[in-house]
Amino acid sequence: MYSKVLCFAALIAVVVAHGHAPAYSSQHITKHDGEPEVVKVGHDGHVVDYHTHPKYEFEYKVEDHHTGDIKSEHQSRDGDIVKGHYSLHQPDGSERNVHYEADKTG
């Protein structure tokens, strides 16, 4: 146990000695739909395989100023409609942004 703590402390000391800025990364996922279920429809008791309305949100971000890796993405789905955006910082300092949307007809 002490060797793991010592190795971790040594790693922190090396990073601090080189003056690296801290990196940041996160992600978030929220799922809103329910479980699939079998539903009887009509008077004859006909069984239909029913799937709930899909709905979710997804997001992630990375910010590492030492390597220049800076990007993010967000996507959501509500039924057949998917919307999203992603962003990427280019090495020349410019930022590339892409917005997209798709539906059942697309």
PDB file of N, CA and C in Angstrom:
ATOM      1  N   MET A   1       0.818  -1.189   0.000  1.00  0.00           N
ATOM      2  CA  MET A   1       0.000   0.000   0.000  1.00  0.00           C
ATOM      3  C   MET A   1       0.863   1.255   0.000  1.00  0.00           C
ATOM      4  N   TYR A   2       1.935   1.219   0.832  1.00  0.00           N
ATOM      5  CA  TYR A   2       2.819   2.384   0.898  1.00  0.00           C
ATOM      6  C   TYR A   2       3.530   2.627  -0.430  1.00  0.00           C
ATOM      7  N   SER A   3       3.837   1.543  -1.145  1.00  0.00           N
ATOM      8  CA  SER A   3       4.531   1.712  -2.434  1.00  0.00           C
ATOM      9  C   SER A   3       3.613   2.381  -3.456  1.00  0.00           C
ATOM     10  N   LYS A   4       2.314   2.092  -3.413  1.00  0.00           N
ATOM     11  CA  LYS A   4       1.369   2.734  -4.333  1.00  0.00           C
ATOM     12  C   LYS A   4       1.254   4.227  -4.040  1.00  0.00           C
ATOM     13  N   VAL A   5       1.197   4.563  -2.752  1.00  0.00           N
ATOM     14  CA  VAL A   5       1.118   5.971  -2.361  1.00  0.00           C
ATOM     15  C   VAL A   5       2.401   6.691  -2.760  1.00  0.00           C
ATOM     16  N   LEU A   6       3.546   6.051  -2.562  1.00  0.00           N
ATOM     17  CA  LEU A   6       4.832   6.643  -2.919  1.00  0.00           C
ATOM     18  C   LEU A   6       4.937   6.849  -4.423  1.00  0.00           C
ATOM     19  N   CYS A   7       4.489   5.882  -5.217  1.00  0.00           N
ATOM     20  CA  CYS A   7       4.508   6.018  -6.685  1.00  0.00           C
ATOM     21  C   CYS A   7       3.593   7.147  -7.137  1.00  0.00           C
ATOM     22  N   PHE A   8       2.430   7.250  -6.532  1.00  0.00           N
ATOM     23  CA  PHE A   8       1.498   8.319  -6.884  1.00  0.00           C
ATOM     24  C   PHE A   8       2.092   9.681  -6.539  1.00  0.00           C
ATOM     25  N   ALA A   9       2.711   9.791  -5.367  1.00  0.00           N
ATOM     26  CA  ALA A   9       3.337  11.053  -4.965  1.00  0.00           C
ATOM     27  C   ALA A   9       4.481  11.415  -5.910  1.00  0.00           C
ATOM     28  N   ALA A  10       5.247  10.430  -6.349  1.00  0.00           N
ATOM     29  CA  ALA A  10       6.340  10.681  -7.290  1.00  0.00           C
ATOM     30  C   ALA A  10       5.800  11.166  -8.627  1.00  0.00           C
ATOM     31  N   LEU A  11       4.712  10.581  -9.078  1.00  0.00           N
ATOM     32  CA  LEU A  11       4.099  11.006 -10.338  1.00  0.00           C
ATOM     33  C   LEU A  11       3.623  12.453 -10.239  1.00  0.00           C
ATOM     34  N   ILE A  12       2.995  12.804  -9.148  1.00  0.00           N
ATOM     35  CA  ILE A  12       2.539  14.186  -8.935  1.00  0.00           C
ATOM     36  C   ILE A  12       3.737  15.134  -8.913  1.00  0.00           C
ATOM     37  N   ALA A  13       4.816  14.744  -8.261  1.00  0.00           N
ATOM     38  CA  ALA A  13       6.013  15.596  -8.189  1.00  0.00           C
ATOM     39  C   ALA A  13       6.604  15.828  -9.569  1.00  0.00           C
ATOM     40  N   VAL A  14       6.625  14.810 -10.421  1.00  0.00           N
ATOM     41  CA  VAL A  14       7.152  14.959 -11.782  1.00  0.00           C
ATOM     42  C   VAL A  14       6.283  15.903 -12.589  1.00  0.00           C
ATOM     43  N   VAL A  15       4.976  15.771 -12.487  1.00  0.00           N
ATOM     44  CA  VAL A  15       4.068  16.648 -13.226  1.00  0.00           C
ATOM     45  C   VAL A  15       4.218  18.093 -12.758  1.00  0.00           C
ATOM     46  N   VAL A  16       4.279  18.303 -11.464  1.00  0.00           N
ATOM     47  CA  VAL A  16       4.427  19.660 -10.926  1.00  0.00           C
ATOM     48  C   VAL A  16       5.769  20.248 -11.337  1.00  0.00           C
ATOM     49  N   ALA A  17       6.820  19.438 -11.348  1.00  0.00           N
ATOM     50  CA  ALA A  17       8.157  19.922 -11.701  1.00  0.00           C
ATOM     51  C   ALA A  17       8.225  20.395 -13.144  1.00  0.00           C
ATOM     52  N   HIS A  18       7.466  19.787 -14.011  1.00  0.00           N
ATOM     53  CA  HIS A  18       7.464  20.180 -15.419  1.00  0.00           C
ATOM     54  C   HIS A  18       6.501  21.324 -15.702  1.00  0.00           C
ATOM     55  N   GLY A  19       5.734  21.764 -14.728  1.00  0.00           N
ATOM     56  CA  GLY A  19       4.860  22.921 -14.885  1.00  0.00           C
ATOM     57  C   GLY A  19       3.696  22.700 -15.840  1.00  0.00           C
ATOM     58  N   HIS A  20       3.220  21.497 -15.958  1.00  0.00           N
ATOM     59  CA  HIS A  20       2.098  21.205 -16.854  1.00  0.00           C
ATOM     60  C   HIS A  20       0.801  21.742 -16.277  1.00  0.00           C
ATOM     61  N   ALA A  21      -0.001  22.306 -17.153  1.00  0.00           N
ATOM     62  CA  ALA A  21      -1.336  22.737 -16.730  1.00  0.00           C
ATOM     63  C   ALA A  21      -2.208  21.500 -16.541  1.00  0.00           C
ATOM     64  N   PRO A  22      -3.149  21.550 -15.626  1.00  0.00           N
ATOM     65  CA  PRO A  22      -3.996  20.376 -15.405  1.00  0.00           C
ATOM     66  C   PRO A  22      -4.909  20.110 -16.602  1.00  0.00           C
ATOM     67  N   ALA A  23      -5.142  18.855 -16.874  1.00  0.00           N
ATOM     68  CA  ALA A  23      -6.075  18.449 -17.930  1.00  0.00           C
ATOM     69  C   ALA A  23      -7.439  18.222 -17.312  1.00  0.00           C
ATOM     70  N   TYR A  24      -8.483  18.348 -18.126  1.00  0.00           N
ATOM     71  CA  TYR A  24      -9.848  18.216 -17.644  1.00  0.00           C
ATOM     72  C   TYR A  24     -10.611  17.331 -18.612  1.00  0.00           C
ATOM     73  N   SER A  25     -11.350  16.386 -18.098  1.00  0.00           N
ATOM     74  CA  SER A  25     -12.170  15.519 -18.930  1.00  0.00           C
ATOM     75  C   SER A  25     -13.432  15.172 -18.155  1.00  0.00           C
ATOM     76  N   SER A  26     -14.578  15.150 -18.848  1.00  0.00           N
ATOM     77  CA  SER A  26     -15.818  14.768 -18.183  1.00  0.00           C
ATOM     78  C   SER A  26     -16.775  14.166 -19.193  1.00  0.00           C
ATOM     79  N   GLN A  27     -17.721  13.419 -18.686  1.00  0.00           N
ATOM     80  CA  GLN A  27     -18.789  12.891 -19.529  1.00  0.00           C
ATOM     81  C   GLN A  27     -20.067  12.807 -18.712  1.00  0.00           C
ATOM     82  N   HIS A  28     -21.189  12.849 -19.425  1.00  0.00           N
ATOM     83  CA  HIS A  28     -22.489  12.790 -18.766  1.00  0.00           C
ATOM     84  C   HIS A  28     -23.474  12.091 -19.704  1.00  0.00           C
ATOM     85  N   ILE A  29     -24.182  11.116 -19.186  1.00  0.00           N
ATOM     86  CA  ILE A  29     -25.189  10.396 -19.966  1.00  0.00           C
ATOM     87  C   ILE A  29     -26.473  10.341 -19.146  1.00  0.00           C
ATOM     88  N   THR A  30     -27.580  10.720 -19.758  1.00  0.00           N
ATOM     89  CA  THR A  30     -28.884  10.627 -19.113  1.00  0.00           C
ATOM     90  C   THR A  30     -29.812   9.866 -20.037  1.00  0.00           C
ATOM     91  N   LYS A  31     -30.364   8.764 -19.566  1.00  0.00           N
ATOM     92  CA  LYS A  31     -31.281   7.960 -20.359  1.00  0.00           C
ATOM     93  C   LYS A  31     -32.675   8.120 -19.766  1.00  0.00           C
ATOM     94  N   HIS A  32     -33.648   8.428 -20.611  1.00  0.00           N
ATOM     95  CA  HIS A  32     -34.992   8.723 -20.127  1.00  0.00           C
ATOM     96  C   HIS A  32     -36.034   7.667 -20.491  1.00  0.00           C
ATOM     97  N   ASP A  33     -35.701   6.720 -21.364  1.00  0.00           N
ATOM     98  CA  ASP A  33     -36.737   5.785 -21.811  1.00  0.00           C
ATOM     99  C   ASP A  33     -36.914   4.641 -20.808  1.00  0.00           C
ATOM    100  N   GLY A  34     -37.993   3.884 -20.974  1.00  0.00           N
ATOM    101  CA  GLY A  34     -38.306   2.786 -20.070  1.00  0.00           C
ATOM    102  C   GLY A  34     -37.924   1.449 -20.663  1.00  0.00           C
ATOM    103  N   GLU A  35     -38.370   0.389 -20.040  1.00  0.00           N
ATOM    104  CA  GLU A  35     -38.090  -0.970 -20.495  1.00  0.00           C
ATOM    105  C   GLU A  35     -39.067  -1.387 -21.594  1.00  0.00           C
ATOM    106  N   PRO A  36     -38.620  -2.168 -22.596  1.00  0.00           N
ATOM    107  CA  PRO A  36     -39.546  -2.686 -23.606  1.00  0.00           C
ATOM    108  C   PRO A  36     -40.589  -3.583 -22.948  1.00  0.00           C
ATOM    109  N   GLU A  37     -41.766  -3.631 -23.509  1.00  0.00           N
ATOM    110  CA  GLU A  37     -42.822  -4.462 -22.945  1.00  0.00           C
ATOM    111  C   GLU A  37     -43.706  -5.007 -24.067  1.00  0.00           C
ATOM    112  N   VAL A  38     -44.362  -6.114 -23.794  1.00  0.00           N
ATOM    113  CA  VAL A  38     -45.300  -6.707 -24.737  1.00  0.00           C
ATOM    114  C   VAL A  38     -46.680  -6.141 -24.442  1.00  0.00           C
ATOM    115  N   VAL A  39     -47.380  -5.696 -25.476  1.00  0.00           N
ATOM    116  CA  VAL A  39     -48.684  -5.058 -25.312  1.00  0.00           C
ATOM    117  C   VAL A  39     -49.701  -5.804 -26.168  1.00  0.00           C
ATOM    118  N   LYS A  40     -50.866  -6.117 -25.606  1.00  0.00           N
ATOM    119  CA  LYS A  40     -51.949  -6.736 -26.371  1.00  0.00           C
ATOM    120  C   LYS A  40     -52.768  -5.622 -26.996  1.00  0.00           C
ATOM    121  N   VAL A  41     -52.965  -5.713 -28.308  1.00  0.00           N
ATOM    122  CA  VAL A  41     -53.653  -4.657 -29.051  1.00  0.00           C
ATOM    123  C   VAL A  41     -54.846  -5.274 -29.778  1.00  0.00           C
ATOM    124  N   GLY A  42     -55.965  -4.575 -29.786  1.00  0.00           N
ATOM    125  CA  GLY A  42     -57.139  -5.042 -30.525  1.00  0.00           C
ATOM    126  C   GLY A  42     -57.986  -6.006 -29.720  1.00  0.00           C
ATOM    127  N   HIS A  43     -59.111  -6.416 -30.337  1.00  0.00           N
ATOM    128  CA  HIS A  43     -60.067  -7.300 -29.657  1.00  0.00           C
ATOM    129  C   HIS A  43     -59.662  -8.768 -29.714  1.00  0.00           C
ATOM    130  N   ASP A  44     -58.814  -9.127 -30.689  1.00  0.00           N
ATOM    131  CA  ASP A  44     -58.447 -10.531 -30.840  1.00  0.00           C
ATOM    132  C   ASP A  44     -57.244 -10.928 -29.975  1.00  0.00           C
ATOM    133  N   GLY A  45     -56.719  -9.997 -29.173  1.00  0.00           N
ATOM    134  CA  GLY A  45     -55.588 -10.307 -28.293  1.00  0.00           C
ATOM    135  C   GLY A  45     -54.277 -10.411 -29.035  1.00  0.00           C
ATOM    136  N   HIS A  46     -54.197  -9.834 -30.220  1.00  0.00           N
ATOM    137  CA  HIS A  46     -52.970  -9.851 -31.012  1.00  0.00           C
ATOM    138  C   HIS A  46     -51.825  -9.229 -30.201  1.00  0.00           C
ATOM    139  N   VAL A  47     -50.671  -9.893 -30.141  1.00  0.00           N
ATOM    140  CA  VAL A  47     -49.531  -9.427 -29.362  1.00  0.00           C
ATOM    141  C   VAL A  47     -48.573  -8.661 -30.271  1.00  0.00           C
ATOM    142  N   VAL A  48     -48.176  -7.480 -29.827  1.00  0.00           N
ATOM    143  CA  VAL A  48     -47.240  -6.644 -30.577  1.00  0.00           C
ATOM    144  C   VAL A  48     -46.018  -6.392 -29.702  1.00  0.00           C
ATOM    145  N   ASP A  49     -44.832  -6.537 -30.271  1.00  0.00           N
ATOM    146  CA  ASP A  49     -43.602  -6.222 -29.560  1.00  0.00           C
ATOM    147  C   ASP A  49     -43.451  -4.706 -29.539  1.00  0.00           C
ATOM    148  N   TYR A  50     -43.560  -4.107 -28.388  1.00  0.00           N
ATOM    149  CA  TYR A  50     -43.553  -2.653 -28.262  1.00  0.00           C
ATOM    150  C   TYR A  50     -42.273  -2.204 -27.566  1.00  0.00           C
ATOM    151  N   HIS A  51     -41.643  -1.191 -28.126  1.00  0.00           N
ATOM    152  CA  HIS A  51     -40.456  -0.607 -27.500  1.00  0.00           C
ATOM    153  C   HIS A  51     -40.778   0.822 -27.104  1.00  0.00           C
ATOM    154  N   THR A  52     -40.345   1.196 -25.926  1.00  0.00           N
ATOM    155  CA  THR A  52     -40.638   2.532 -25.433  1.00  0.00           C
ATOM    156  C   THR A  52     -39.982   3.610 -26.292  1.00  0.00           C
ATOM    157  N   HIS A  53     -40.467   4.798 -26.145  1.00  0.00           N
ATOM    158  CA  HIS A  53     -39.967   5.974 -26.852  1.00  0.00           C
ATOM    159  C   HIS A  53     -38.511   6.241 -26.435  1.00  0.00           C
ATOM    160  N   PRO A  54     -37.540   6.137 -27.362  1.00  0.00           N
ATOM    161  CA  PRO A  54     -36.142   6.367 -26.972  1.00  0.00           C
ATOM    162  C   PRO A  54     -35.874   7.848 -26.702  1.00  0.00           C
ATOM    163  N   LYS A  55     -35.226   8.105 -25.585  1.00  0.00           N
ATOM    164  CA  LYS A  55     -34.902   9.484 -25.231  1.00  0.00           C
ATOM    165  C   LYS A  55     -33.651   9.471 -24.362  1.00  0.00           C
ATOM    166  N   TYR A  56     -32.610  10.230 -24.787  1.00  0.00           N
ATOM    167  CA  TYR A  56     -31.384  10.297 -24.008  1.00  0.00           C
ATOM    168  C   TYR A  56     -30.625  11.584 -24.316  1.00  0.00           C
ATOM    169  N   GLU A  57     -29.644  11.891 -23.478  1.00  0.00           N
ATOM    170  CA  GLU A  57     -28.696  12.972 -23.697  1.00  0.00           C
ATOM    171  C   GLU A  57     -27.314  12.447 -23.366  1.00  0.00           C
ATOM    172  N   PHE A  58     -26.314  12.867 -24.141  1.00  0.00           N
ATOM    173  CA  PHE A  58     -24.934  12.439 -23.964  1.00  0.00           C
ATOM    174  C   PHE A  58     -24.038  13.658 -24.133  1.00  0.00           C
ATOM    175  N   GLU A  59     -23.029  13.773 -23.291  1.00  0.00           N
ATOM    176  CA  GLU A  59     -22.121  14.908 -23.385  1.00  0.00           C
ATOM    177  C   GLU A  59     -20.740  14.502 -22.885  1.00  0.00           C
ATOM    178  N   TYR A  60     -19.689  14.984 -23.550  1.00  0.00           N
ATOM    179  CA  TYR A  60     -18.345  14.815 -23.013  1.00  0.00           C
ATOM    180  C   TYR A  60     -17.485  16.008 -23.379  1.00  0.00           C
ATOM    181  N   LYS A  61     -16.447  16.236 -22.577  1.00  0.00           N
ATOM    182  CA  LYS A  61     -15.514  17.343 -22.802  1.00  0.00           C
ATOM    183  C   LYS A  61     -14.109  16.887 -22.442  1.00  0.00           C
ATOM    184  N   VAL A  62     -13.136  17.380 -23.196  1.00  0.00           N
ATOM    185  CA  VAL A  62     -11.730  17.163 -22.886  1.00  0.00           C
ATOM    186  C   VAL A  62     -11.028  18.506 -23.024  1.00  0.00           C
ATOM    187  N   GLU A  63     -10.259  18.884 -22.022  1.00  0.00           N
ATOM    188  CA  GLU A  63      -9.457  20.103 -22.082  1.00  0.00           C
ATOM    189  C   GLU A  63      -8.072  19.789 -21.534  1.00  0.00           C
ATOM    190  N   ASP A  64      -7.110  19.637 -22.419  1.00  0.00           N
ATOM    191  CA  ASP A  64      -5.727  19.409 -22.026  1.00  0.00           C
ATOM    192  C   ASP A  64      -4.884  20.464 -22.734  1.00  0.00           C
ATOM    193  N   HIS A  65      -4.615  21.566 -22.044  1.00  0.00           N
ATOM    194  CA  HIS A  65      -3.914  22.688 -22.658  1.00  0.00           C
ATOM    195  C   HIS A  65      -2.448  22.382 -22.924  1.00  0.00           C
ATOM    196  N   HIS A  66      -1.884  21.397 -22.236  1.00  0.00           N
ATOM    197  CA  HIS A  66      -0.495  21.016 -22.484  1.00  0.00           C
ATOM    198  C   HIS A  66      -0.348  20.375 -23.861  1.00  0.00           C
ATOM    199  N   THR A  67      -1.262  19.459 -24.198  1.00  0.00           N
ATOM    200  CA  THR A  67      -1.188  18.789 -25.502  1.00  0.00           C
ATOM    201  C   THR A  67      -1.994  19.509 -26.570  1.00  0.00           C
ATOM    202  N   GLY A  68      -2.846  20.436 -26.147  1.00  0.00           N
ATOM    203  CA  GLY A  68      -3.704  21.141 -27.103  1.00  0.00           C
ATOM    204  C   GLY A  68      -4.950  20.362 -27.472  1.00  0.00           C
ATOM    205  N   ASP A  69      -5.221  19.276 -26.767  1.00  0.00           N
ATOM    206  CA  ASP A  69      -6.402  18.453 -27.041  1.00  0.00           C
ATOM    207  C   ASP A  69      -7.606  19.076 -26.344  1.00  0.00           C
ATOM    208  N   ILE A  70      -8.395  19.846 -27.099  1.00  0.00           N
ATOM    209  CA  ILE A  70      -9.573  20.510 -26.553  1.00  0.00           C
ATOM    210  C   ILE A  70     -10.745  20.204 -27.473  1.00  0.00           C
ATOM    211  N   LYS A  71     -11.723  19.478 -26.945  1.00  0.00           N
ATOM    212  CA  LYS A  71     -12.874  19.097 -27.766  1.00  0.00           C
ATOM    213  C   LYS A  71     -14.077  18.838 -26.879  1.00  0.00           C
ATOM    214  N   SER A  72     -15.260  18.860 -27.485  1.00  0.00           N
ATOM    215  CA  SER A  72     -16.482  18.564 -26.743  1.00  0.00           C
ATOM    216  C   SER A  72     -17.542  18.054 -27.716  1.00  0.00           C
ATOM    217  N   GLU A  73     -18.501  17.338 -27.170  1.00  0.00           N
ATOM    218  CA  GLU A  73     -19.628  16.854 -27.965  1.00  0.00           C
ATOM    219  C   GLU A  73     -20.863  16.785 -27.081  1.00  0.00           C
ATOM    220  N   HIS A  74     -22.012  17.082 -27.681  1.00  0.00           N
ATOM    221  CA  HIS A  74     -23.297  16.930 -27.018  1.00  0.00           C
ATOM    222  C   HIS A  74     -24.263  16.346 -28.031  1.00  0.00           C
ATOM    223  N   GLN A  75     -25.008  15.330 -27.634  1.00  0.00           N
ATOM    224  CA  GLN A  75     -26.004  14.722 -28.513  1.00  0.00           C
ATOM    225  C   GLN A  75     -27.235  14.388 -27.704  1.00  0.00           C
ATOM    226  N   SER A  76     -28.410  14.554 -28.318  1.00  0.00           N
ATOM    227  CA  SER A  76     -29.657  14.173 -27.660  1.00  0.00           C
ATOM    228  C   SER A  76     -30.544  13.456 -28.667  1.00  0.00           C
ATOM    229  N   ARG A  77     -31.376  12.598 -28.150  1.00  0.00           N
ATOM    230  CA  ARG A  77     -32.346  11.878 -28.988  1.00  0.00           C
ATOM    231  C   ARG A  77     -33.692  11.919 -28.302  1.00  0.00           C
ATOM    232  N   ASP A  78     -34.715  12.211 -29.100  1.00  0.00           N
ATOM    233  CA  ASP A  78     -36.089  12.193 -28.625  1.00  0.00           C
ATOM    234  C   ASP A  78     -36.904  11.513 -29.712  1.00  0.00           C
ATOM    235  N   GLY A  79     -37.152  10.217 -29.545  1.00  0.00           N
ATOM    236  CA  GLY A  79     -37.832   9.438 -30.583  1.00  0.00           C
ATOM    237  C   GLY A  79     -36.921   9.256 -31.786  1.00  0.00           C
ATOM    238  N   ASP A  80     -37.390   9.657 -32.958  1.00  0.00           N
ATOM    239  CA  ASP A  80     -36.606   9.514 -34.182  1.00  0.00           C
ATOM    240  C   ASP A  80     -35.745  10.738 -34.479  1.00  0.00           C
ATOM    241  N   ILE A  81     -35.762  11.737 -33.621  1.00  0.00           N
ATOM    242  CA  ILE A  81     -35.007  12.970 -33.867  1.00  0.00           C
ATOM    243  C   ILE A  81     -33.732  12.964 -33.031  1.00  0.00           C
ATOM    244  N   VAL A  82     -32.598  13.062 -33.727  1.00  0.00           N
ATOM    245  CA  VAL A  82     -31.288  13.125 -33.079  1.00  0.00           C
ATOM    246  C   VAL A  82     -30.666  14.472 -33.417  1.00  0.00           C
ATOM    247  N   LYS A  83     -30.211  15.192 -32.397  1.00  0.00           N
ATOM    248  CA  LYS A  83     -29.562  16.483 -32.593  1.00  0.00           C
ATOM    249  C   LYS A  83     -28.227  16.465 -31.860  1.00  0.00           C
ATOM    250  N   GLY A  84     -27.260  17.172 -32.427  1.00  0.00           N
ATOM    251  CA  GLY A  84     -25.973  17.196 -31.758  1.00  0.00           C
ATOM    252  C   GLY A  84     -25.081  18.325 -32.206  1.00  0.00           C
ATOM    253  N   HIS A  85     -23.991  18.448 -31.491  1.00  0.00           N
ATOM    254  CA  HIS A  85     -22.992  19.472 -31.762  1.00  0.00           C
ATOM    255  C   HIS A  85     -21.648  18.948 -31.274  1.00  0.00           C
ATOM    256  N   TYR A  86     -20.613  19.142 -32.078  1.00  0.00           N
ATOM    257  CA  TYR A  86     -19.278  18.888 -31.554  1.00  0.00           C
ATOM    258  C   TYR A  86     -18.341  20.009 -31.940  1.00  0.00           C
ATOM    259  N   SER A  87     -17.319  20.179 -31.127  1.00  0.00           N
ATOM    260  CA  SER A  87     -16.389  21.284 -31.269  1.00  0.00           C
ATOM    261  C   SER A  87     -14.970  20.746 -31.109  1.00  0.00           C
ATOM    262  N   LEU A  88     -14.057  21.261 -31.930  1.00  0.00           N
ATOM    263  CA  LEU A  88     -12.665  20.832 -31.888  1.00  0.00           C
ATOM    264  C   LEU A  88     -11.776  22.043 -32.077  1.00  0.00           C
ATOM    265  N   HIS A  89     -10.818  22.239 -31.178  1.00  0.00           N
ATOM    266  CA  HIS A  89      -9.855  23.329 -31.323  1.00  0.00           C
ATOM    267  C   HIS A  89      -8.702  22.840 -32.197  1.00  0.00           C
ATOM    268  N   GLN A  90      -8.440  23.553 -33.262  1.00  0.00           N
ATOM    269  CA  GLN A  90      -7.390  23.204 -34.213  1.00  0.00           C
ATOM    270  C   GLN A  90      -6.027  23.672 -33.689  1.00  0.00           C
ATOM    271  N   PRO A  91      -4.929  23.057 -34.146  1.00  0.00           N
ATOM    272  CA  PRO A  91      -3.589  23.476 -33.714  1.00  0.00           C
ATOM    273  C   PRO A  91      -3.271  24.946 -34.027  1.00  0.00           C
ATOM    274  N   ASP A  92      -3.898  25.513 -35.070  1.00  0.00           N
ATOM    275  CA  ASP A  92      -3.632  26.913 -35.413  1.00  0.00           C
ATOM    276  C   ASP A  92      -4.424  27.894 -34.555  1.00  0.00           C
ATOM    277  N   GLY A  93      -5.218  27.393 -33.592  1.00  0.00           N
ATOM    278  CA  GLY A  93      -5.982  28.255 -32.704  1.00  0.00           C
ATOM    279  C   GLY A  93      -7.428  28.437 -33.117  1.00  0.00           C
ATOM    280  N   SER A  94      -7.781  28.042 -34.328  1.00  0.00           N
ATOM    281  CA  SER A  94      -9.171  28.165 -34.754  1.00  0.00           C
ATOM    282  C   SER A  94     -10.015  27.055 -34.131  1.00  0.00           C
ATOM    283  N   GLU A  95     -11.313  27.257 -34.152  1.00  0.00           N
ATOM    284  CA  GLU A  95     -12.236  26.284 -33.573  1.00  0.00           C
ATOM    285  C   GLU A  95     -13.197  25.797 -34.650  1.00  0.00           C
ATOM    286  N   ARG A  96     -13.340  24.489 -34.754  1.00  0.00           N
ATOM    287  CA  ARG A  96     -14.265  23.890 -35.717  1.00  0.00           C
ATOM    288  C   ARG A  96     -15.517  23.459 -34.962  1.00  0.00           C
ATOM    289  N   ASN A  97     -16.684  23.906 -35.426  1.00  0.00           N
ATOM    290  CA  ASN A  97     -17.968  23.558 -34.815  1.00  0.00           C
ATOM    291  C   ASN A  97     -18.853  22.893 -35.849  1.00  0.00           C
ATOM    292  N   VAL A  98     -19.478  21.812 -35.470  1.00  0.00           N
ATOM    293  CA  VAL A  98     -20.389  21.093 -36.343  1.00  0.00           C
ATOM    294  C   VAL A  98     -21.687  20.872 -35.600  1.00  0.00           C
ATOM    295  N   HIS A  99     -22.789  21.310 -36.202  1.00  0.00           N
ATOM    296  CA  HIS A  99     -24.130  21.068 -35.669  1.00  0.00           C
ATOM    297  C   HIS A  99     -24.809  20.080 -36.621  1.00  0.00           C
ATOM    298  N   TYR A 100     -25.494  19.088 -36.085  1.00  0.00           N
ATOM    299  CA  TYR A 100     -26.170  18.117 -36.942  1.00  0.00           C
ATOM    300  C   TYR A 100     -27.529  17.750 -36.377  1.00  0.00           C
ATOM    301  N   GLU A 101     -28.385  17.259 -37.273  1.00  0.00           N
ATOM    302  CA  GLU A 101     -29.731  16.836 -36.905  1.00  0.00           C
ATOM    303  C   GLU A 101     -30.158  15.739 -37.875  1.00  0.00           C
ATOM    304  N   ALA A 102     -30.801  14.720 -37.361  1.00  0.00           N
ATOM    305  CA  ALA A 102     -31.314  13.638 -38.192  1.00  0.00           C
ATOM    306  C   ALA A 102     -32.686  13.232 -37.674  1.00  0.00           C
ATOM    307  N   ASP A 103     -33.533  12.785 -38.589  1.00  0.00           N
ATOM    308  CA  ASP A 103     -34.840  12.276 -38.196  1.00  0.00           C
ATOM    309  C   ASP A 103     -35.158  11.048 -39.028  1.00  0.00           C
ATOM    310  N   LYS A 104     -36.337  10.504 -38.845  1.00  0.00           N
ATOM    311  CA  LYS A 104     -36.734   9.276 -39.523  1.00  0.00           C
ATOM    312  C   LYS A 104     -36.707   9.407 -41.042  1.00  0.00           C
ATOM    313  N   THR A 105     -36.982  10.597 -41.544  1.00  0.00           N
ATOM    314  CA  THR A 105     -37.015  10.791 -42.999  1.00  0.00           C
ATOM    315  C   THR A 105     -35.641  10.975 -43.593  1.00  0.00           C
ATOM    316  N   GLY A 106     -34.623  11.275 -42.762  1.00  0.00           N
ATOM    317  CA  GLY A 106     -33.282  11.600 -43.244  1.00  0.00           C
ATOM    318  C   GLY A 106     -32.449  10.453 -43.458  1.00  0.00           C
TER     319      GLY A 106
END
